[in-house]
Amino acid sequence: MSGTVTSNAAPYAVNAVLTCPAGGYTPTAGVPISSGISYNAATGVLTVSGGKTLTLPVPPTQYYFSSVTLSGGSVLTFNNPGNLHVDIWIDNVLNLSGGGIANPSGKSTMLGIWSCGANTSNWTLSGGSGAYFSVYAPNHDVTISGSGDLWGALAAKGVTASGGSKFHYDEALGRGPPQGLNAVAGAWSQLPGG
């Protein structure tokens, strides 16, 4: 180990819990519904199951849900011909243990997943060929499951890695973090490779 000790140093700032977007959850018209895809705009609960793919249109560039659950090998992706940055806001549960989010741009700077509000539910992420995104969830414990890799950044209350997944920090996120959020040297780590 190397480094220095500084007496009476100021503690690292606690990551702020963000306020949820105004105006309510994403309208029903903004989520294409078909077999295996259900969404209730009143509750904000989105479920994709049975290996289905939900392709959200861009624009809009912001989606807001209470809960997002992908199961049975299902995928959430985007039709984003203008290559615009997209933000997904979630105020309760994110469970990707049986599926994944695919960012067709292949750039983690183009997709942000944000927790908002005071809920402290556990979140589960999984990797895969299109798992390029940043996650900001300072009041959620996050489990990274499965064996697929993820590329981007993760800020969470706590992180557990299982199943051989690897999370690779994308240095491009440090050159222009959205929302004024900055990585603090010594306050982050990369999950070990297998």
C-alpha atoms as a PDB file:
ATOM      1  CA  MET A   1       0.000   0.000   0.000  1.00  0.00           C
ATOM      2  CA  SER A   2       1.054   3.544  -0.539  1.00  0.00           C
ATOM      3  CA  GLY A   3      -0.421   6.919   0.231  1.00  0.00           C
ATOM      4  CA  THR A   4      -0.607   9.414   3.021  1.00  0.00           C
ATOM      5  CA  VAL A   5      -2.638   9.958   6.155  1.00  0.00           C
ATOM      6  CA  THR A   6      -4.216  13.352   6.711  1.00  0.00           C
ATOM      7  CA  SER A   7      -5.425  14.227  10.206  1.00  0.00           C
ATOM      8  CA  ASN A   8      -8.801  15.934  10.484  1.00  0.00           C
ATOM      9  CA  ALA A   9      -9.488  15.536   6.765  1.00  0.00           C
ATOM     10  CA  ALA A  10     -13.000  16.313   5.620  1.00  0.00           C
ATOM     11  CA  PRO A  11     -15.035  13.164   4.912  1.00  0.00           C
ATOM     12  CA  TYR A  12     -16.037  12.272   1.384  1.00  0.00           C
ATOM     13  CA  ALA A  13     -19.323  13.862   0.483  1.00  0.00           C
ATOM     14  CA  VAL A  14     -22.277  11.494   0.623  1.00  0.00           C
ATOM     15  CA  ASN A  15     -23.847  10.920  -2.775  1.00  0.00           C
ATOM     16  CA  ALA A  16     -27.087  12.875  -2.959  1.00  0.00           C
ATOM     17  CA  VAL A  17     -30.449  11.149  -3.305  1.00  0.00           C
ATOM     18  CA  LEU A  18     -32.017  12.733  -6.379  1.00  0.00           C
ATOM     19  CA  THR A  19     -35.512  14.153  -6.713  1.00  0.00           C
ATOM     20  CA  CYS A  20     -37.763  12.266  -9.123  1.00  0.00           C
ATOM     21  CA  PRO A  21     -38.820  13.923 -12.378  1.00  0.00           C
ATOM     22  CA  ALA A  22     -41.917  16.113 -12.222  1.00  0.00           C
ATOM     23  CA  GLY A  23     -45.016  15.237 -14.188  1.00  0.00           C
ATOM     24  CA  GLY A  24     -45.495  11.585 -13.244  1.00  0.00           C
ATOM     25  CA  TYR A  25     -44.455   8.303 -14.792  1.00  0.00           C
ATOM     26  CA  THR A  26     -43.902   7.791 -18.510  1.00  0.00           C
ATOM     27  CA  PRO A  27     -47.287   7.835 -20.311  1.00  0.00           C
ATOM     28  CA  THR A  28     -48.702   4.551 -21.612  1.00  0.00           C
ATOM     29  CA  ALA A  29     -48.345   5.796 -25.195  1.00  0.00           C
ATOM     30  CA  GLY A  30     -44.554   5.986 -24.697  1.00  0.00           C
ATOM     31  CA  VAL A  31     -44.179   2.240 -24.026  1.00  0.00           C
ATOM     32  CA  PRO A  32     -44.979  -0.150 -26.911  1.00  0.00           C
ATOM     33  CA  ILE A  33     -47.039  -2.983 -25.391  1.00  0.00           C
ATOM     34  CA  SER A  34     -47.195  -6.490 -26.863  1.00  0.00           C
ATOM     35  CA  SER A  35     -47.219 -10.082 -25.645  1.00  0.00           C
ATOM     36  CA  GLY A  36     -44.880 -10.473 -22.655  1.00  0.00           C
ATOM     37  CA  ILE A  37     -44.684  -6.707 -22.035  1.00  0.00           C
ATOM     38  CA  SER A  38     -46.872  -4.998 -19.451  1.00  0.00           C
ATOM     39  CA  TYR A  39     -46.845  -1.417 -18.251  1.00  0.00           C
ATOM     40  CA  ASN A  40     -49.147   0.539 -15.950  1.00  0.00           C
ATOM     41  CA  ALA A  41     -48.621   4.296 -16.235  1.00  0.00           C
ATOM     42  CA  ALA A  42     -50.582   4.918 -13.011  1.00  0.00           C
ATOM     43  CA  THR A  43     -48.161   2.810 -10.922  1.00  0.00           C
ATOM     44  CA  GLY A  44     -45.104   3.103 -13.173  1.00  0.00           C
ATOM     45  CA  VAL A  45     -44.535  -0.685 -13.116  1.00  0.00           C
ATOM     46  CA  LEU A  46     -42.882  -2.094 -16.266  1.00  0.00           C
ATOM     47  CA  THR A  47     -42.430  -5.855 -16.720  1.00  0.00           C
ATOM     48  CA  VAL A  48     -40.878  -7.637 -19.702  1.00  0.00           C
ATOM     49  CA  SER A  49     -40.924 -11.452 -19.628  1.00  0.00           C
ATOM     50  CA  GLY A  50     -40.704 -14.572 -21.771  1.00  0.00           C
ATOM     51  CA  GLY A  51     -37.631 -13.565 -23.751  1.00  0.00           C
ATOM     52  CA  LYS A  52     -39.362 -10.563 -25.285  1.00  0.00           C
ATOM     53  CA  THR A  53     -37.603  -7.391 -26.416  1.00  0.00           C
ATOM     54  CA  LEU A  54     -39.029  -3.983 -25.548  1.00  0.00           C
ATOM     55  CA  THR A  55     -37.692  -1.258 -27.841  1.00  0.00           C
ATOM     56  CA  LEU A  56     -38.340   2.218 -26.459  1.00  0.00           C
ATOM     57  CA  PRO A  57     -38.428   5.068 -29.001  1.00  0.00           C
ATOM     58  CA  VAL A  58     -36.038   8.020 -28.719  1.00  0.00           C
ATOM     59  CA  PRO A  59     -37.095  10.797 -28.446  1.00  0.00           C
ATOM     60  CA  PRO A  60     -38.198  11.165 -25.735  1.00  0.00           C
ATOM     61  CA  THR A  61     -34.805  11.071 -24.066  1.00  0.00           C
ATOM     62  CA  GLN A  62     -36.161  10.548 -20.534  1.00  0.00           C
ATOM     63  CA  TYR A  63     -38.218   7.666 -19.155  1.00  0.00           C
ATOM     64  CA  TYR A  64     -39.523   7.472 -15.584  1.00  0.00           C
ATOM     65  CA  PHE A  65     -40.749   4.242 -13.959  1.00  0.00           C
ATOM     66  CA  SER A  66     -41.470   3.012 -10.449  1.00  0.00           C
ATOM     67  CA  SER A  67     -40.252  -0.499 -11.193  1.00  0.00           C
ATOM     68  CA  VAL A  68     -38.494  -2.213 -14.108  1.00  0.00           C
ATOM     69  CA  THR A  69     -38.308  -6.036 -14.115  1.00  0.00           C
ATOM     70  CA  LEU A  70     -36.850  -8.094 -16.968  1.00  0.00           C
ATOM     71  CA  SER A  71     -37.143 -11.885 -16.782  1.00  0.00           C
ATOM     72  CA  GLY A  72     -36.773 -14.981 -18.950  1.00  0.00           C
ATOM     73  CA  GLY A  73     -33.973 -13.554 -21.089  1.00  0.00           C
ATOM     74  CA  SER A  74     -35.906 -10.404 -21.970  1.00  0.00           C
ATOM     75  CA  VAL A  75     -34.210  -7.241 -23.219  1.00  0.00           C
ATOM     76  CA  LEU A  76     -34.900  -3.519 -22.922  1.00  0.00           C
ATOM     77  CA  THR A  77     -33.345  -1.508 -25.764  1.00  0.00           C
ATOM     78  CA  PHE A  78     -33.855   1.719 -27.708  1.00  0.00           C
ATOM     79  CA  ASN A  79     -34.627   2.887 -31.231  1.00  0.00           C
ATOM     80  CA  ASN A  80     -32.300   5.873 -31.194  1.00  0.00           C
ATOM     81  CA  PRO A  81     -31.446   6.911 -34.773  1.00  0.00           C
ATOM     82  CA  GLY A  82     -30.276  10.364 -33.622  1.00  0.00           C
ATOM     83  CA  ASN A  83     -27.844   8.793 -31.134  1.00  0.00           C
ATOM     84  CA  LEU A  84     -29.199  10.964 -28.287  1.00  0.00           C
ATOM     85  CA  HIS A  85     -28.352  10.545 -24.593  1.00  0.00           C
ATOM     86  CA  VAL A  86     -31.148   8.679 -22.767  1.00  0.00           C
ATOM     87  CA  ASP A  87     -31.963   8.699 -19.030  1.00  0.00           C
ATOM     88  CA  ILE A  88     -34.088   6.110 -17.230  1.00  0.00           C
ATOM     89  CA  TRP A  89     -35.347   7.212 -13.804  1.00  0.00           C
ATOM     90  CA  ILE A  90     -36.562   4.580 -11.310  1.00  0.00           C
ATOM     91  CA  ASP A  91     -38.006   5.311  -7.869  1.00  0.00           C
ATOM     92  CA  ASN A  92     -38.346   1.757  -6.535  1.00  0.00           C
ATOM     93  CA  VAL A  93     -37.125  -1.540  -8.056  1.00  0.00           C
ATOM     94  CA  LEU A  94     -34.719  -2.403 -10.859  1.00  0.00           C
ATOM     95  CA  ASN A  95     -34.477  -6.160 -11.416  1.00  0.00           C
ATOM     96  CA  LEU A  96     -32.531  -7.301 -14.472  1.00  0.00           C
ATOM     97  CA  SER A  97     -31.662 -10.726 -13.044  1.00  0.00           C
ATOM     98  CA  GLY A  98     -33.483 -12.507 -15.866  1.00  0.00           C
ATOM     99  CA  GLY A  99     -32.709 -10.125 -18.699  1.00  0.00           C
ATOM    100  CA  GLY A 100     -30.692  -7.087 -19.645  1.00  0.00           C
ATOM    101  CA  ILE A 101     -30.587  -3.568 -20.987  1.00  0.00           C
ATOM    102  CA  ALA A 102     -28.949  -3.217 -24.394  1.00  0.00           C
ATOM    103  CA  ASN A 103     -27.581   0.177 -25.412  1.00  0.00           C
ATOM    104  CA  PRO A 104     -27.274   0.066 -29.218  1.00  0.00           C
ATOM    105  CA  SER A 105     -24.810   2.995 -29.259  1.00  0.00           C
ATOM    106  CA  GLY A 106     -22.173   0.864 -27.502  1.00  0.00           C
ATOM    107  CA  LYS A 107     -21.264   3.977 -25.455  1.00  0.00           C
ATOM    108  CA  SER A 108     -21.939   4.072 -21.727  1.00  0.00           C
ATOM    109  CA  THR A 109     -21.999   7.886 -21.890  1.00  0.00           C
ATOM    110  CA  MET A 110     -25.237   7.650 -23.893  1.00  0.00           C
ATOM    111  CA  LEU A 111     -27.403   5.849 -21.286  1.00  0.00           C
ATOM    112  CA  GLY A 112     -27.879   6.735 -17.615  1.00  0.00           C
ATOM    113  CA  ILE A 113     -30.002   4.836 -15.088  1.00  0.00           C
ATOM    114  CA  TRP A 114     -30.904   6.992 -12.091  1.00  0.00           C
ATOM    115  CA  SER A 115     -32.565   6.164  -8.788  1.00  0.00           C
ATOM    116  CA  CYS A 116     -34.705   8.886  -7.283  1.00  0.00           C
ATOM    117  CA  GLY A 117     -36.694   9.321  -4.109  1.00  0.00           C
ATOM    118  CA  ALA A 118     -36.214   7.710  -0.708  1.00  0.00           C
ATOM    119  CA  ASN A 119     -36.907   4.037  -1.531  1.00  0.00           C
ATOM    120  CA  THR A 120     -34.070   1.669  -0.546  1.00  0.00           C
ATOM    121  CA  SER A 121     -35.036  -1.560  -2.347  1.00  0.00           C
ATOM    122  CA  ASN A 122     -32.292  -3.877  -3.584  1.00  0.00           C
ATOM    123  CA  TRP A 123     -31.452  -3.637  -7.289  1.00  0.00           C
ATOM    124  CA  THR A 124     -30.128  -6.414  -9.533  1.00  0.00           C
ATOM    125  CA  LEU A 125     -28.143  -5.808 -12.725  1.00  0.00           C
ATOM    126  CA  SER A 126     -26.936  -8.270 -15.334  1.00  0.00           C
ATOM    127  CA  GLY A 127     -24.499  -7.859 -18.165  1.00  0.00           C
ATOM    128  CA  GLY A 128     -24.456  -8.841 -21.786  1.00  0.00           C
ATOM    129  CA  SER A 129     -23.326  -7.792 -25.218  1.00  0.00           C
ATOM    130  CA  GLY A 130     -25.068  -4.387 -25.049  1.00  0.00           C
ATOM    131  CA  ALA A 131     -24.658  -3.533 -21.355  1.00  0.00           C
ATOM    132  CA  TYR A 132     -23.152  -0.046 -21.732  1.00  0.00           C
ATOM    133  CA  PHE A 133     -24.573   2.395 -19.166  1.00  0.00           C
ATOM    134  CA  SER A 134     -23.997   4.277 -15.936  1.00  0.00           C
ATOM    135  CA  VAL A 135     -26.042   3.603 -12.798  1.00  0.00           C
ATOM    136  CA  TYR A 136     -26.521   6.097  -9.980  1.00  0.00           C
ATOM    137  CA  ALA A 137     -28.271   4.439  -7.013  1.00  0.00           C
ATOM    138  CA  PRO A 138     -26.780   5.842  -3.785  1.00  0.00           C
ATOM    139  CA  ASN A 139     -29.553   4.512  -1.539  1.00  0.00           C
ATOM    140  CA  HIS A 140     -29.783   1.011  -3.072  1.00  0.00           C
ATOM    141  CA  ASP A 141     -27.701  -2.111  -2.553  1.00  0.00           C
ATOM    142  CA  VAL A 142     -26.923  -3.469  -6.027  1.00  0.00           C
ATOM    143  CA  THR A 143     -26.197  -7.083  -6.972  1.00  0.00           C
ATOM    144  CA  ILE A 144     -24.501  -7.746 -10.297  1.00  0.00           C
ATOM    145  CA  SER A 145     -25.574 -11.230 -11.377  1.00  0.00           C
ATOM    146  CA  GLY A 146     -24.950 -13.602 -14.255  1.00  0.00           C
ATOM    147  CA  SER A 147     -21.760 -13.979 -16.225  1.00  0.00           C
ATOM    148  CA  GLY A 148     -22.034 -11.164 -18.784  1.00  0.00           C
ATOM    149  CA  ASP A 149     -19.836  -8.086 -18.574  1.00  0.00           C
ATOM    150  CA  LEU A 150     -21.040  -4.523 -17.987  1.00  0.00           C
ATOM    151  CA  TRP A 151     -19.319  -1.348 -19.197  1.00  0.00           C
ATOM    152  CA  GLY A 152     -19.840   2.052 -17.572  1.00  0.00           C
ATOM    153  CA  ALA A 153     -19.979   3.188 -13.953  1.00  0.00           C
ATOM    154  CA  LEU A 154     -21.942   2.333 -10.842  1.00  0.00           C
ATOM    155  CA  ALA A 155     -22.575   4.428  -7.730  1.00  0.00           C
ATOM    156  CA  ALA A 156     -24.502   2.466  -5.087  1.00  0.00           C
ATOM    157  CA  LYS A 157     -24.964   2.087  -1.343  1.00  0.00           C
ATOM    158  CA  GLY A 158     -23.307  -1.343  -1.591  1.00  0.00           C
ATOM    159  CA  VAL A 159     -22.310  -3.720  -4.387  1.00  0.00           C
ATOM    160  CA  THR A 160     -22.291  -7.528  -4.522  1.00  0.00           C
ATOM    161  CA  ALA A 161     -20.913  -9.350  -7.561  1.00  0.00           C
ATOM    162  CA  SER A 162     -22.026 -12.922  -8.257  1.00  0.00           C
ATOM    163  CA  GLY A 163     -21.843 -15.395 -11.109  1.00  0.00           C
ATOM    164  CA  GLY A 164     -18.564 -14.173 -12.592  1.00  0.00           C
ATOM    165  CA  SER A 165     -19.794 -10.839 -13.943  1.00  0.00           C
ATOM    166  CA  LYS A 166     -17.240  -8.107 -14.493  1.00  0.00           C
ATOM    167  CA  PHE A 167     -18.001  -4.393 -14.372  1.00  0.00           C
ATOM    168  CA  HIS A 168     -15.602  -2.269 -16.424  1.00  0.00           C
ATOM    169  CA  TYR A 169     -15.332   1.441 -15.642  1.00  0.00           C
ATOM    170  CA  ASP A 170     -15.600   3.601 -18.763  1.00  0.00           C
ATOM    171  CA  GLU A 171     -13.148   6.498 -18.388  1.00  0.00           C
ATOM    172  CA  ALA A 172     -15.195   8.554 -20.866  1.00  0.00           C
ATOM    173  CA  LEU A 173     -17.759   9.019 -18.080  1.00  0.00           C
ATOM    174  CA  GLY A 174     -15.145  10.875 -16.029  1.00  0.00           C
ATOM    175  CA  ARG A 175     -14.647  13.466 -18.752  1.00  0.00           C
ATOM    176  CA  GLY A 176     -18.182  14.795 -18.677  1.00  0.00           C
ATOM    177  CA  PRO A 177     -20.368  13.336 -15.965  1.00  0.00           C
ATOM    178  CA  PRO A 178     -24.042  14.186 -16.293  1.00  0.00           C
ATOM    179  CA  GLN A 179     -25.948  15.951 -13.521  1.00  0.00           C
ATOM    180  CA  GLY A 180     -22.720  17.397 -12.095  1.00  0.00           C
ATOM    181  CA  LEU A 181     -21.795  14.082 -10.459  1.00  0.00           C
ATOM    182  CA  ASN A 182     -18.092  13.386 -10.237  1.00  0.00           C
ATOM    183  CA  ALA A 183     -16.110  10.309  -9.279  1.00  0.00           C
ATOM    184  CA  VAL A 184     -13.962  10.988  -6.213  1.00  0.00           C
ATOM    185  CA  ALA A 185     -10.504   9.399  -6.251  1.00  0.00           C
ATOM    186  CA  GLY A 186     -10.286   6.771  -3.529  1.00  0.00           C
ATOM    187  CA  ALA A 187     -14.072   6.511  -3.248  1.00  0.00           C
ATOM    188  CA  TRP A 188     -14.555   3.989  -6.035  1.00  0.00           C
ATOM    189  CA  SER A 189     -13.198   0.645  -7.155  1.00  0.00           C
ATOM    190  CA  GLN A 190     -13.436  -1.670 -10.140  1.00  0.00           C
ATOM    191  CA  LEU A 191     -14.898  -5.098  -9.560  1.00  0.00           C
ATOM    192  CA  PRO A 192     -12.202  -7.747  -9.864  1.00  0.00           C
ATOM    193  CA  GLY A 193     -11.948  -9.801 -13.004  1.00  0.00           C
ATOM    194  CA  GLY A 194     -12.380 -13.550 -12.951  1.00  0.00           C
END
